Protein backbone atom coordinates (compact mmCIF):
# COMPACT_ATOMS: atom_id res chain seq x y z
CA MET A 1 -32.65 124.11 45.74
CA ARG A 2 -34.85 123.74 43.35
CA LEU A 3 -36.23 119.96 42.44
CA ALA A 4 -36.41 118.18 39.48
CA LEU A 5 -40.13 118.14 38.64
CA SER A 6 -41.81 117.96 35.46
CA PRO A 7 -44.87 120.35 34.89
CA ASP A 8 -47.19 117.22 35.27
CA GLU A 9 -45.12 116.29 38.53
CA LEU A 10 -45.30 119.68 40.01
CA LEU A 11 -49.29 120.33 39.37
CA THR A 12 -50.25 116.43 40.42
CA THR A 13 -47.88 115.90 43.51
CA THR A 14 -48.70 119.88 45.08
CA ARG A 15 -50.33 118.76 48.36
CA SER A 16 -51.78 120.38 51.32
CA VAL A 17 -49.02 119.87 53.64
CA ARG A 18 -49.72 120.07 57.66
CA LYS A 19 -47.84 117.34 59.50
CA ARG A 20 -44.65 117.05 57.41
CA LEU A 21 -43.78 121.08 57.69
CA ASP A 22 -40.35 121.28 59.15
CA VAL A 23 -41.01 123.78 61.94
CA GLU A 24 -37.13 124.04 62.91
CA ARG A 25 -35.64 124.87 59.55
CA PRO A 26 -35.89 128.42 58.88
CA VAL A 27 -37.28 129.81 55.19
CA GLU A 28 -34.80 132.28 53.33
CA ARG A 29 -36.08 135.43 52.76
CA GLU A 30 -34.75 135.09 49.15
CA VAL A 31 -36.64 132.20 48.73
CA LEU A 32 -39.70 133.53 49.39
CA GLU A 33 -39.19 136.68 47.38
CA GLU A 34 -38.46 134.15 44.43
CA CYS A 35 -42.01 132.43 44.92
CA LEU A 36 -43.58 135.96 45.21
CA ALA A 37 -42.22 136.93 42.35
CA ILE A 38 -43.46 133.89 40.13
CA ALA A 39 -46.77 134.75 42.33
CA GLN A 40 -46.91 138.01 40.86
CA GLN A 41 -46.98 136.98 37.32
CA ALA A 42 -50.44 135.01 37.42
CA PRO A 43 -53.75 136.29 35.67
CA THR A 44 -55.59 138.65 37.66
CA GLY A 45 -59.25 140.24 35.96
CA GLY A 46 -58.44 143.11 33.85
CA ASN A 47 -55.06 142.69 34.75
CA ALA A 48 -55.84 145.03 37.94
CA GLN A 49 -53.40 143.02 39.80
CA ALA A 50 -55.55 144.56 42.93
CA TRP A 51 -53.45 142.12 45.47
CA GLY A 52 -51.30 141.81 48.20
CA PHE A 53 -49.33 139.73 50.39
CA VAL A 54 -48.76 140.20 53.97
CA VAL A 55 -45.65 137.83 54.80
CA VAL A 56 -45.28 137.16 58.61
CA THR A 57 -42.28 135.75 59.91
CA ASP A 58 -42.43 137.27 63.53
CA ALA A 59 -43.26 134.63 66.00
CA ASP A 60 -45.46 136.77 68.17
CA LYS A 61 -47.64 137.65 65.26
CA ARG A 62 -47.42 134.33 64.02
CA ALA A 63 -49.05 133.12 67.53
CA ALA A 64 -51.28 135.65 67.68
CA LEU A 65 -52.43 134.42 63.99
CA ALA A 66 -52.79 131.01 65.28
CA ASP A 67 -54.64 132.04 68.26
CA LEU A 68 -57.10 133.81 65.77
CA TYR A 69 -56.97 129.97 63.40
CA ARG A 70 -57.84 127.95 66.77
CA LYS A 71 -60.95 130.20 67.62
CA GLY A 72 -62.32 129.98 64.11
CA TRP A 73 -61.19 125.99 64.12
CA ASP A 74 -63.61 125.40 67.14
CA VAL A 75 -66.43 127.69 65.23
CA TYR A 76 -66.04 125.41 62.01
CA ARG A 77 -66.00 122.01 64.19
CA SER A 78 -69.33 123.25 66.16
CA ARG A 79 -71.38 123.17 62.93
CA PRO A 80 -73.76 120.60 61.99
CA SER A 81 -72.01 120.58 58.54
CA TRP A 82 -68.73 119.35 60.28
CA SER A 83 -70.22 115.78 61.13
CA ALA A 84 -72.40 115.33 58.06
CA SER A 85 -69.41 116.22 55.49
CA ARG A 86 -66.95 113.78 57.23
CA ARG A 87 -69.23 110.55 57.21
CA TYR A 88 -68.98 108.73 54.09
CA ASP A 89 -70.40 104.77 53.15
CA ASP A 90 -66.99 104.12 51.43
CA PRO A 91 -64.81 102.75 53.91
CA ASP A 92 -61.56 103.92 52.39
CA ARG A 93 -63.31 107.20 51.56
CA GLN A 94 -63.98 107.43 55.58
CA GLN A 95 -60.46 106.18 56.36
CA LEU A 96 -58.95 109.09 54.11
CA GLN A 97 -61.27 111.74 55.81
CA ARG A 98 -59.65 110.74 59.02
CA ARG A 99 -56.37 111.20 58.42
CA ILE A 100 -57.41 114.47 56.67
CA THR A 101 -58.87 115.60 59.96
CA SER A 102 -56.15 114.27 61.99
CA SER A 103 -53.81 116.48 59.82
CA ALA A 104 -56.11 119.49 59.99
CA LYS A 105 -56.33 119.08 63.76
CA HIS A 106 -52.57 119.30 63.67
CA LEU A 107 -52.35 122.16 62.05
CA ALA A 108 -54.66 124.01 64.34
CA ASP A 109 -52.35 122.57 67.49
CA THR A 110 -49.26 123.75 65.65
CA LEU A 111 -49.69 126.39 63.31
CA GLN A 112 -47.84 128.87 65.61
CA ASP A 113 -44.74 126.95 64.73
CA VAL A 114 -45.00 127.02 61.14
CA PRO A 115 -42.13 129.56 60.40
CA VAL A 116 -43.93 131.28 57.32
CA HIS A 117 -47.53 132.44 57.12
CA VAL A 118 -48.72 134.21 54.03
CA VAL A 119 -52.15 136.40 53.94
CA PRO A 120 -52.93 137.01 50.51
CA CYS A 121 -55.56 139.99 50.20
CA MET A 122 -57.77 142.00 47.87
CA ARG A 123 -58.29 145.72 47.73
CA PHE A 124 -61.81 144.94 47.57
CA ARG A 125 -64.54 144.06 49.96
CA PRO A 126 -66.84 141.34 48.66
CA GLU A 127 -70.03 141.61 50.88
CA GLY A 128 -72.94 142.29 49.05
CA ALA A 129 -71.59 142.15 45.40
CA PRO A 130 -72.89 140.16 42.76
CA ASN A 131 -71.78 136.82 41.63
CA ILE A 132 -70.31 138.38 38.78
CA ALA A 133 -68.31 140.67 40.91
CA LEU A 134 -67.18 137.78 43.36
CA ALA A 135 -66.08 135.26 40.74
CA SER A 136 -63.55 137.92 39.45
CA HIS A 137 -62.75 138.88 43.06
CA PHE A 138 -61.50 134.94 43.98
CA GLY A 139 -60.42 134.52 40.49
CA SER A 140 -58.04 137.13 40.60
CA ILE A 141 -55.99 136.00 43.80
CA TYR A 142 -56.47 132.35 43.98
CA PRO A 143 -54.52 131.69 40.89
CA ALA A 144 -51.74 133.69 42.38
CA VAL A 145 -52.04 131.90 45.50
CA TRP A 146 -51.68 128.57 43.55
CA SER A 147 -48.80 129.81 41.86
CA LEU A 148 -47.10 130.67 45.17
CA MET A 149 -47.70 127.17 46.47
CA LEU A 150 -46.61 125.81 43.44
CA ALA A 151 -43.45 127.75 43.26
CA ALA A 152 -42.86 126.79 46.83
CA ARG A 153 -43.49 123.08 46.22
CA ALA A 154 -40.66 123.32 43.55
CA ARG A 155 -38.09 124.67 45.89
CA GLY A 156 -38.55 121.96 48.71
CA LEU A 157 -41.24 123.56 50.71
CA GLY A 158 -44.77 122.39 51.77
CA SER A 159 -47.76 124.43 52.24
CA THR A 160 -51.44 124.84 52.69
CA LEU A 161 -54.18 127.04 52.11
CA THR A 162 -56.44 127.75 55.37
CA THR A 163 -59.16 129.97 55.50
CA LEU A 164 -60.16 129.56 59.24
CA HIS A 165 -58.79 132.57 60.36
CA LEU A 166 -61.03 134.61 58.58
CA PHE A 167 -64.18 133.88 61.20
CA HIS A 168 -61.90 136.53 63.08
CA GLU A 169 -60.81 138.80 59.70
CA ARG A 170 -61.21 142.08 61.66
CA GLU A 171 -58.84 140.90 64.48
CA ALA A 172 -56.34 139.74 62.24
CA ALA A 173 -56.33 142.96 60.21
CA GLU A 174 -55.80 144.80 63.03
CA LEU A 175 -52.67 142.51 64.25
CA LEU A 176 -51.39 143.07 60.82
CA GLY A 177 -52.18 146.74 60.23
CA ILE A 178 -54.69 145.86 57.38
CA PRO A 179 -57.33 148.23 56.66
CA HIS A 180 -60.28 146.00 56.87
CA ASP A 181 -62.85 148.74 55.22
CA GLU A 182 -60.78 148.51 52.03
CA VAL A 183 -58.70 145.14 51.99
CA ALA A 184 -59.98 141.91 52.26
CA GLN A 185 -57.90 138.82 53.19
CA VAL A 186 -58.99 136.03 51.80
CA GLY A 187 -56.92 133.46 53.32
CA LEU A 188 -53.79 131.98 55.10
CA VAL A 189 -50.86 130.07 53.29
CA ALA A 190 -48.72 128.21 56.10
CA MET A 191 -45.52 127.25 54.44
CA ALA A 192 -42.06 125.26 55.82
CA TYR A 193 -39.65 123.15 54.37
CA PHE A 194 -41.09 119.69 54.17
CA LYS A 195 -40.09 116.26 55.69
CA GLY A 196 -39.99 113.05 54.63
CA ALA A 197 -40.02 111.28 51.53
CA ASP A 198 -41.79 112.87 48.51
CA PHE A 199 -45.28 113.53 47.56
CA ARG A 200 -47.66 111.25 45.21
CA PRO A 201 -50.64 112.18 43.34
CA GLY A 202 -53.81 112.36 45.82
CA PRO A 203 -56.47 110.13 45.71
CA ARG A 204 -59.70 111.50 43.53
CA GLU A 205 -62.72 110.26 42.56
CA PRO A 206 -63.07 108.96 38.83
CA LEU A 207 -63.35 111.79 35.97
CA GLU A 208 -66.75 110.93 34.80
CA ARG A 209 -68.10 111.63 38.33
CA PHE A 210 -67.38 115.44 38.07
CA VAL A 211 -66.92 116.31 34.29
CA HIS A 212 -70.14 117.02 32.36
CA TRP A 213 -69.70 117.28 28.68
CA GLU A 214 -71.63 119.77 26.61
CA GLY A 215 -73.96 120.46 29.94
CA TRP A 216 -74.67 119.73 33.38
CA ALA A 217 -76.69 116.46 32.86
CA GLY A 218 -74.50 115.44 29.89
């Protein structure tokens, strides 16, 4: 079912959904194919279209991916930057960060139950590449990932883009039959129908905090 959303509503209310994913309701293959066909229309550098999406619905494979994700979650949380990046002087921002951390932990605990995992891939290994190649590499796949998430939102699905399983990318490649030396995974999108009320725009910093006119200091 398509939701009646304006383009602005779609763009401003597509959130990272973790706690409100309906893990009891299956997602129809035809709905996934509609979302993937829309994602396929996203632009790529040189129109190369050098991407692939591995769609995982098998329960055993989802459980194995979730195990790798949790191992990555533990690595991530053990880093000194984890605590430093979650401390704010602003109490409202600190409270928001606590909710985000709780939501992220919930995903780590329940990822195996989310009915659809989509692993976006590029047919290029970025190791040692110059910044221009990296910009082209990721700029040629993430627009498609975002289009996938927007298309899902328009159909009543929630999603979140994660990357923590990439701490164990080679193991995930072996699980999914991805040729690791030729194809780079760039994340994992967990998808399901969402539960509860609709979504609103999220809190953001004032525009002048991150927009620089005519130069970085401008």
